[in-house]
């Protein structure tokens, strides 16, 4: 290697490290933008047959933002409504608190003022919130900037996606047919993991949420959103949430509803995990469940929330690269010798 090539490689390496440091604070939002752009890109290509790339990208970004914000707004409104009902019912529960206090006094022989303890706890929480208000404002500002960055990235990835792919093909030092083969393998992994975890999790969480709402579990919309997140993790799924709801119904003297929710969750909710997930992941991504679990847990530690998706994708991409590389290794060696 001559000095010029060495200098160029050193410069590229330095710039890659600096670029990584720039991206790292907003890695979650960058990965989210890449994922969303990947999902929307086929639609972008179809729309470009009728409108300009800019109009198509703006339209998809607006629809995506609306589609993501609407469920969160609905959940927040539902939770706020339940909180308001709890506040309105506090006066009605005062007599029950007095009864509990008297029973505790009879058992322990000491006077206990639950209301005062609750007020004191509320004051301590309020003081902590005020003391951390600066940190809270800073965190909110950071996340707002990250969301805005993700929106802009999605727009430009969609608008300039074709040019970006062409640049990628020109830059990667592999024959075009090998690039296409590798891209096809990775696309299968991406869609398999996306369908097998994100889509199945949405279906599983929604189906379980219907059971919570039908049996009268409070904040069913909020717990549905939580179950969707939990359902992305194999071996865990939505069981902790609907299992807790079953226990809650038993403790509130609703044994029939508790049994009904248990049966519904085991049979109906279980079907989504037993049939949809293996169908999607094994057929399209062709990944072993152990590899998927390792990717999810390791990805969550390495990349945060987005690692739940990108962890299995990284391992799947490694498998695809090894297969394509080994299949074409002799050919690549002959190409190097010829050059």
Protein backbone atom coordinates (compact mmCIF):
# COMPACT_ATOMS: atom_id res chain seq x y z
CA UNK A 1 0.00 0.00 0.00
CA UNK A 2 1.45 3.38 -0.98
CA UNK A 3 1.39 6.53 1.15
CA UNK A 4 -1.52 8.09 -0.75
CA UNK A 5 -3.79 5.07 -0.21
CA UNK A 6 -2.77 4.86 3.44
CA UNK A 7 -3.55 8.54 3.98
CA UNK A 8 -6.90 8.17 2.24
CA UNK A 9 -7.88 5.14 4.35
CA UNK A 10 -6.81 6.96 7.55
CA UNK A 11 -8.87 10.00 6.54
CA UNK A 12 -11.93 7.86 5.77
CA UNK A 13 -11.58 6.01 9.08
CA UNK A 14 -11.30 9.28 11.03
CA UNK A 15 -14.33 10.76 9.32
CA UNK A 16 -16.33 7.59 9.94
CA UNK A 17 -15.49 7.76 13.65
CA UNK A 18 -16.43 11.45 13.83
CA UNK A 19 -19.66 10.77 11.92
CA UNK A 20 -20.50 7.98 14.36
CA UNK A 21 -19.99 10.36 17.29
CA UNK A 22 -22.33 12.87 15.64
CA UNK A 23 -25.03 10.27 15.04
CA UNK A 24 -24.75 8.45 18.38
CA UNK A 25 -26.82 10.91 20.51
CA UNK A 26 -29.74 10.57 18.09
CA UNK A 27 -29.18 6.94 17.13
CA UNK A 28 -32.68 5.89 18.23
CA UNK A 29 -34.30 8.46 15.96
CA UNK A 30 -31.98 7.72 13.03
CA UNK A 31 -32.76 4.00 13.25
CA UNK A 32 -36.46 4.78 13.54
CA UNK A 33 -36.30 6.98 10.46
CA UNK A 34 -34.47 4.27 8.48
CA UNK A 35 -37.08 1.69 9.50
CA UNK A 36 -40.01 3.93 8.58
CA UNK A 37 -38.43 4.91 5.27
CA UNK A 38 -37.83 1.22 4.47
CA UNK A 39 -41.50 0.45 5.07
CA UNK A 40 -42.77 3.43 3.07
CA UNK A 41 -40.31 3.24 0.15
CA UNK A 42 -42.36 0.77 -1.96
CA UNK A 43 -45.33 3.14 -1.65
CA UNK A 44 -43.06 6.05 -2.58
CA UNK A 45 -42.05 4.29 -5.82
CA UNK A 46 -45.71 3.73 -6.74
CA UNK A 47 -46.66 7.35 -6.02
CA UNK A 48 -43.78 8.69 -8.09
CA UNK A 49 -45.56 7.32 -11.18
CA UNK A 50 -48.27 9.96 -10.62
CA UNK A 51 -46.63 12.84 -8.72
CA UNK A 52 -43.17 14.26 -8.15
CA UNK A 53 -40.85 12.58 -5.60
CA UNK A 54 -41.14 15.65 -3.35
CA UNK A 55 -44.96 15.58 -3.26
CA UNK A 56 -44.99 11.82 -2.71
CA UNK A 57 -42.49 12.06 0.16
CA UNK A 58 -44.35 14.92 1.86
CA UNK A 59 -47.65 13.05 1.58
CA UNK A 60 -46.22 9.88 3.10
CA UNK A 61 -44.50 11.76 5.93
CA UNK A 62 -47.74 13.56 6.82
CA UNK A 63 -49.68 10.27 6.79
CA UNK A 64 -46.98 8.54 8.86
CA UNK A 65 -46.91 11.30 11.48
CA UNK A 66 -50.70 11.25 11.72
CA UNK A 67 -50.73 7.46 11.91
CA UNK A 68 -48.18 7.40 14.74
CA UNK A 69 -49.55 10.35 16.71
CA UNK A 70 -53.22 9.34 16.65
CA UNK A 71 -52.83 6.15 18.76
CA UNK A 72 -50.69 8.00 21.33
CA UNK A 73 -53.22 10.83 21.59
CA UNK A 74 -56.06 8.33 22.04
CA UNK A 75 -54.16 6.48 24.78
CA UNK A 76 -53.23 9.69 26.59
CA UNK A 77 -56.81 10.98 26.45
CA UNK A 78 -58.11 7.68 27.81
CA UNK A 79 -55.61 7.67 30.68
CA UNK A 80 -56.37 11.33 31.47
CA UNK A 81 -60.08 10.55 31.54
CA UNK A 82 -59.51 7.71 33.99
CA UNK A 83 -57.32 9.91 36.18
CA UNK A 84 -60.09 12.52 36.27
CA UNK A 85 -62.60 9.88 37.31
CA UNK A 86 -60.29 8.72 40.08
CA UNK A 87 -59.98 12.29 41.35
CA UNK A 88 -63.77 12.73 41.33
CA UNK A 89 -64.17 9.48 43.29
CA UNK A 90 -61.72 10.39 46.05
CA UNK A 91 -64.42 11.96 48.23
CA UNK A 92 -66.60 8.88 47.83
CA UNK A 93 -63.69 6.71 48.91
CA UNK A 94 -63.02 8.75 52.06
CA UNK A 95 -65.34 6.57 54.16
CA UNK A 96 -63.57 3.42 52.95
CA UNK A 97 -60.22 4.94 53.93
CA UNK A 98 -61.55 5.71 57.42
CA UNK A 99 -62.77 2.12 57.70
CA UNK A 100 -59.36 0.79 56.69
CA UNK A 101 -57.70 3.11 59.19
CA UNK A 102 -59.91 1.87 62.02
CA UNK A 103 -59.22 -1.77 61.15
CA UNK A 104 -55.46 -1.17 61.05
CA UNK A 105 -55.67 0.59 64.40
CA UNK A 106 -57.50 -2.38 65.92
CA UNK A 107 -54.86 -4.78 64.61
CA UNK A 108 -51.72 -2.75 65.38
CA UNK A 109 -52.93 -0.71 68.33
CA UNK A 110 -51.53 2.45 66.72
CA UNK A 111 -53.37 5.35 65.15
CA UNK A 112 -52.72 5.52 61.41
CA UNK A 113 -53.66 8.47 59.21
CA UNK A 114 -53.59 7.21 55.62
CA UNK A 115 -54.85 10.49 54.18
CA UNK A 116 -52.02 12.47 55.79
CA UNK A 117 -49.47 9.94 54.58
CA UNK A 118 -50.84 10.23 51.04
CA UNK A 119 -50.71 14.04 51.21
CA UNK A 120 -47.13 13.89 52.49
CA UNK A 121 -46.19 11.49 49.73
CA UNK A 122 -47.75 13.80 47.17
CA UNK A 123 -45.80 16.75 48.55
CA UNK A 124 -42.53 14.82 48.41
CA UNK A 125 -43.25 13.78 44.82
CA UNK A 126 -44.10 17.37 43.91
CA UNK A 127 -40.85 18.63 45.44
CA UNK A 128 -38.85 16.04 43.52
CA UNK A 129 -40.60 16.99 40.27
CA UNK A 130 -39.84 20.69 40.81
CA UNK A 131 -36.21 19.98 41.64
CA UNK A 132 -35.85 17.95 38.44
CA UNK A 133 -37.86 20.33 36.26
CA UNK A 134 -34.73 21.61 34.51
CA UNK A 135 -33.68 18.08 33.62
CA UNK A 136 -37.22 17.34 32.46
CA UNK A 137 -37.32 20.39 30.18
CA UNK A 138 -33.94 19.43 28.76
CA UNK A 139 -35.08 15.87 28.10
CA UNK A 140 -38.29 17.03 26.44
CA UNK A 141 -36.32 19.45 24.24
CA UNK A 142 -33.89 16.68 23.25
CA UNK A 143 -36.72 14.31 22.27
CA UNK A 144 -38.52 17.02 20.30
CA UNK A 145 -35.32 17.71 18.36
CA UNK A 146 -34.90 13.98 17.79
CA UNK A 147 -38.45 13.62 16.48
CA UNK A 148 -37.98 16.59 14.14
CA UNK A 149 -34.70 15.07 12.91
CA UNK A 150 -36.39 11.73 12.27
CA UNK A 151 -39.18 13.39 10.27
CA UNK A 152 -36.67 15.23 8.06
CA UNK A 153 -34.61 12.05 7.59
CA UNK A 154 -37.69 10.08 6.52
CA UNK A 155 -38.59 12.80 4.03
CA UNK A 156 -35.15 12.91 2.40
CA UNK A 157 -34.69 9.13 2.47
CA UNK A 158 -37.97 8.80 0.55
CA UNK A 159 -37.41 11.73 -1.79
CA UNK A 160 -33.80 10.83 -2.67
CA UNK A 161 -34.10 7.08 -2.10
CA UNK A 162 -33.50 6.12 -5.73
CA UNK A 163 -30.39 8.28 -5.99
CA UNK A 164 -29.13 6.93 -2.68
CA UNK A 165 -29.49 3.33 -3.89
CA UNK A 166 -27.70 4.15 -7.15
CA UNK A 167 -24.85 5.76 -5.20
CA UNK A 168 -24.68 2.72 -2.95
CA UNK A 169 -24.42 0.37 -5.96
CA UNK A 170 -21.64 2.48 -7.45
CA UNK A 171 -19.71 2.67 -4.18
CA UNK A 172 -19.84 -0.94 -2.99
CA UNK A 173 -16.99 -2.92 -4.65
CA UNK A 174 -19.09 -5.97 -5.49
CA UNK A 175 -20.52 -7.19 -8.81
CA UNK A 176 -24.08 -5.98 -9.38
CA UNK A 177 -25.64 -9.45 -9.31
CA UNK A 178 -24.05 -10.18 -5.92
CA UNK A 179 -25.31 -6.84 -4.63
CA UNK A 180 -28.83 -7.68 -5.79
CA UNK A 181 -28.65 -11.11 -4.17
CA UNK A 182 -27.41 -9.65 -0.90
CA UNK A 183 -30.02 -6.91 -0.95
CA UNK A 184 -32.78 -9.45 -1.59
CA UNK A 185 -31.63 -11.56 1.37
CA UNK A 186 -31.51 -8.57 3.71
CA UNK A 187 -34.90 -7.35 2.47
CA UNK A 188 -36.38 -10.74 3.36
CA UNK A 189 -34.88 -10.51 6.83
CA UNK A 190 -36.18 -6.96 7.30
CA UNK A 191 -39.73 -7.80 6.23
CA UNK A 192 -39.72 -11.08 8.12
CA UNK A 193 -38.69 -9.43 11.38
CA UNK A 194 -40.97 -6.47 10.75
CA UNK A 195 -44.00 -8.67 10.09
CA UNK A 196 -43.07 -11.32 12.64
CA UNK A 197 -42.50 -8.90 15.50
CA UNK A 198 -43.97 -5.48 14.87
CA UNK A 199 -47.12 -6.51 13.00
CA UNK A 200 -47.74 -9.63 15.09
CA UNK A 201 -47.14 -7.59 18.27
CA UNK A 202 -49.72 -5.02 17.16
CA UNK A 203 -52.23 -7.78 16.39
CA UNK A 204 -51.52 -9.65 19.63
CA UNK A 205 -51.66 -6.52 21.79
CA UNK A 206 -54.85 -5.30 20.13
CA UNK A 207 -56.60 -8.67 20.47
CA UNK A 208 -55.58 -8.86 24.13
CA UNK A 209 -56.71 -5.25 24.64
CA UNK A 210 -60.17 -6.14 23.36
CA UNK A 211 -60.36 -8.73 26.12
CA UNK A 212 -59.37 -6.15 28.76
CA UNK A 213 -61.95 -3.66 27.52
CA UNK A 214 -64.69 -6.31 27.35
CA UNK A 215 -64.10 -7.35 30.97
CA UNK A 216 -64.00 -3.78 32.27
CA UNK A 217 -60.31 -3.52 33.17
CA UNK A 218 -59.42 0.17 33.80
CA UNK A 219 -57.17 2.00 31.32
CA UNK A 220 -57.59 -0.75 28.72
CA UNK A 221 -56.22 1.48 25.93
CA UNK A 222 -53.06 2.26 27.88
CA UNK A 223 -52.45 -1.39 28.76
CA UNK A 224 -53.08 -2.34 25.14
CA UNK A 225 -50.19 -0.07 24.10
CA UNK A 226 -48.00 -1.65 26.80
CA UNK A 227 -48.91 -5.16 25.59
CA UNK A 228 -47.97 -4.24 22.02
CA UNK A 229 -44.45 -3.36 23.23
CA UNK A 230 -44.18 -6.48 25.44
CA UNK A 231 -45.44 -8.69 22.60
CA UNK A 232 -42.31 -7.90 20.60
CA UNK A 233 -40.24 -9.94 23.04
CA UNK A 234 -40.41 -13.73 22.54
CA UNK A 235 -41.20 -15.90 25.58
CA UNK A 236 -42.67 -12.85 27.34
CA UNK A 237 -45.38 -11.43 25.12
CA UNK A 238 -48.50 -9.90 26.61
CA UNK A 239 -48.80 -12.50 29.39
CA UNK A 240 -47.61 -10.25 32.25
CA UNK A 241 -50.28 -7.65 31.44
CA UNK A 242 -53.33 -9.80 30.79
CA UNK A 243 -52.21 -12.14 33.58
CA UNK A 244 -52.15 -9.18 35.94
CA UNK A 245 -55.61 -8.18 34.68
CA UNK A 246 -56.92 -11.66 35.52
CA UNK A 247 -55.54 -11.34 39.07
CA UNK A 248 -57.06 -7.86 39.33
CA UNK A 249 -60.50 -9.16 38.38
CA UNK A 250 -60.24 -11.94 40.96
CA UNK A 251 -59.25 -9.46 43.67
CA UNK A 252 -62.20 -7.18 42.79
CA UNK A 253 -64.70 -10.04 43.21
CA UNK A 254 -65.22 -10.67 39.48
CA UNK A 255 -64.33 -14.37 39.22
CA UNK A 256 -66.46 -15.04 36.13
CA UNK A 257 -64.86 -12.15 34.22
CA UNK A 258 -61.43 -13.29 35.41
CA UNK A 259 -61.99 -16.84 34.14
CA UNK A 260 -63.44 -15.52 30.89
CA UNK A 261 -60.44 -13.24 30.31
CA UNK A 262 -58.03 -16.07 31.13
CA UNK A 263 -59.67 -18.48 28.67
CA UNK A 264 -59.93 -15.78 25.97
CA UNK A 265 -56.27 -14.79 26.40
CA UNK A 266 -54.90 -18.34 26.40
CA UNK A 267 -56.89 -19.44 23.35
CA UNK A 268 -57.47 -16.37 21.16
CA UNK A 269 -54.41 -14.26 22.05
CA UNK A 270 -52.21 -17.36 22.08
CA UNK A 271 -53.15 -18.16 18.49
CA UNK A 272 -51.50 -14.96 17.24
CA UNK A 273 -48.21 -15.93 18.84
CA UNK A 274 -48.34 -19.65 18.07
CA UNK A 275 -49.24 -19.33 14.39
CA UNK A 276 -48.64 -15.84 13.03
CA UNK A 277 -45.14 -15.31 14.44
CA UNK A 278 -43.58 -18.63 13.29
CA UNK A 279 -45.26 -18.25 9.91
CA UNK A 280 -43.78 -14.80 9.39
CA UNK A 281 -40.30 -15.20 10.85
CA UNK A 282 -39.45 -18.73 9.77
CA UNK A 283 -40.95 -18.43 6.29
CA UNK A 284 -39.71 -14.96 5.34
CA UNK A 285 -36.70 -14.32 7.57
CA UNK A 286 -35.76 -18.00 8.10
CA UNK A 287 -34.23 -17.27 11.50
CA UNK A 288 -34.02 -19.64 14.43
CA UNK A 289 -36.09 -18.45 17.46
CA UNK A 290 -32.93 -18.55 19.61
CA UNK A 291 -31.20 -16.18 17.18
CA UNK A 292 -34.22 -13.86 17.27
CA UNK A 293 -34.28 -13.82 21.07
CA UNK A 294 -30.53 -13.11 21.20
CA UNK A 295 -30.96 -10.31 18.65
CA UNK A 296 -33.83 -8.72 20.57
CA UNK A 297 -32.16 -8.81 23.98
CA UNK A 298 -28.74 -7.83 22.69
CA UNK A 299 -30.24 -5.19 20.41
CA UNK A 300 -32.18 -3.64 23.29
CA UNK A 301 -28.93 -3.26 25.27
CA UNK A 302 -26.92 -2.02 22.30
CA UNK A 303 -29.44 0.23 20.51
CA UNK A 304 -32.20 0.84 23.07
CA UNK A 305 -35.85 0.50 22.07
CA UNK A 306 -35.10 0.33 18.36
CA UNK A 307 -32.82 -2.63 19.07
CA UNK A 308 -35.95 -4.76 19.57
CA UNK A 309 -36.23 -4.64 15.79
CA UNK A 310 -32.69 -3.99 14.54
CA UNK A 311 -31.03 -6.62 16.75
CA UNK A 312 -32.54 -9.59 14.84
CA UNK A 313 -32.01 -7.72 11.56
CA UNK A 314 -28.27 -7.38 12.24
CA UNK A 315 -27.92 -11.11 12.95
CA UNK A 316 -30.08 -11.94 9.95
CA UNK A 317 -28.00 -9.65 7.75
CA UNK A 318 -24.85 -11.39 9.01
CA UNK A 319 -26.29 -14.76 8.06
CA UNK A 320 -27.28 -13.46 4.61
CA UNK A 321 -23.86 -11.88 4.03
CA UNK A 322 -22.07 -15.09 5.01
CA UNK A 323 -24.23 -17.14 2.66
CA UNK A 324 -23.82 -14.79 -0.31
CA UNK A 325 -20.11 -14.30 0.42
CA UNK A 326 -19.31 -18.00 0.67
CA UNK A 327 -21.34 -18.81 -2.44
CA UNK A 328 -19.34 -16.28 -4.46
CA UNK A 329 -15.97 -16.45 -2.70
CA UNK A 330 -14.13 -18.28 -5.49
CA UNK A 331 -15.53 -15.91 -8.08
CA UNK A 332 -14.41 -12.86 -6.09
CA UNK A 333 -10.90 -14.27 -5.73
CA UNK A 334 -10.70 -14.79 -9.50
CA UNK A 335 -11.86 -11.21 -10.04
CA UNK A 336 -9.11 -9.91 -7.72
CA UNK A 337 -6.47 -11.90 -9.58
CA UNK A 338 -7.73 -10.62 -12.92
CA UNK A 339 -7.57 -7.03 -11.70
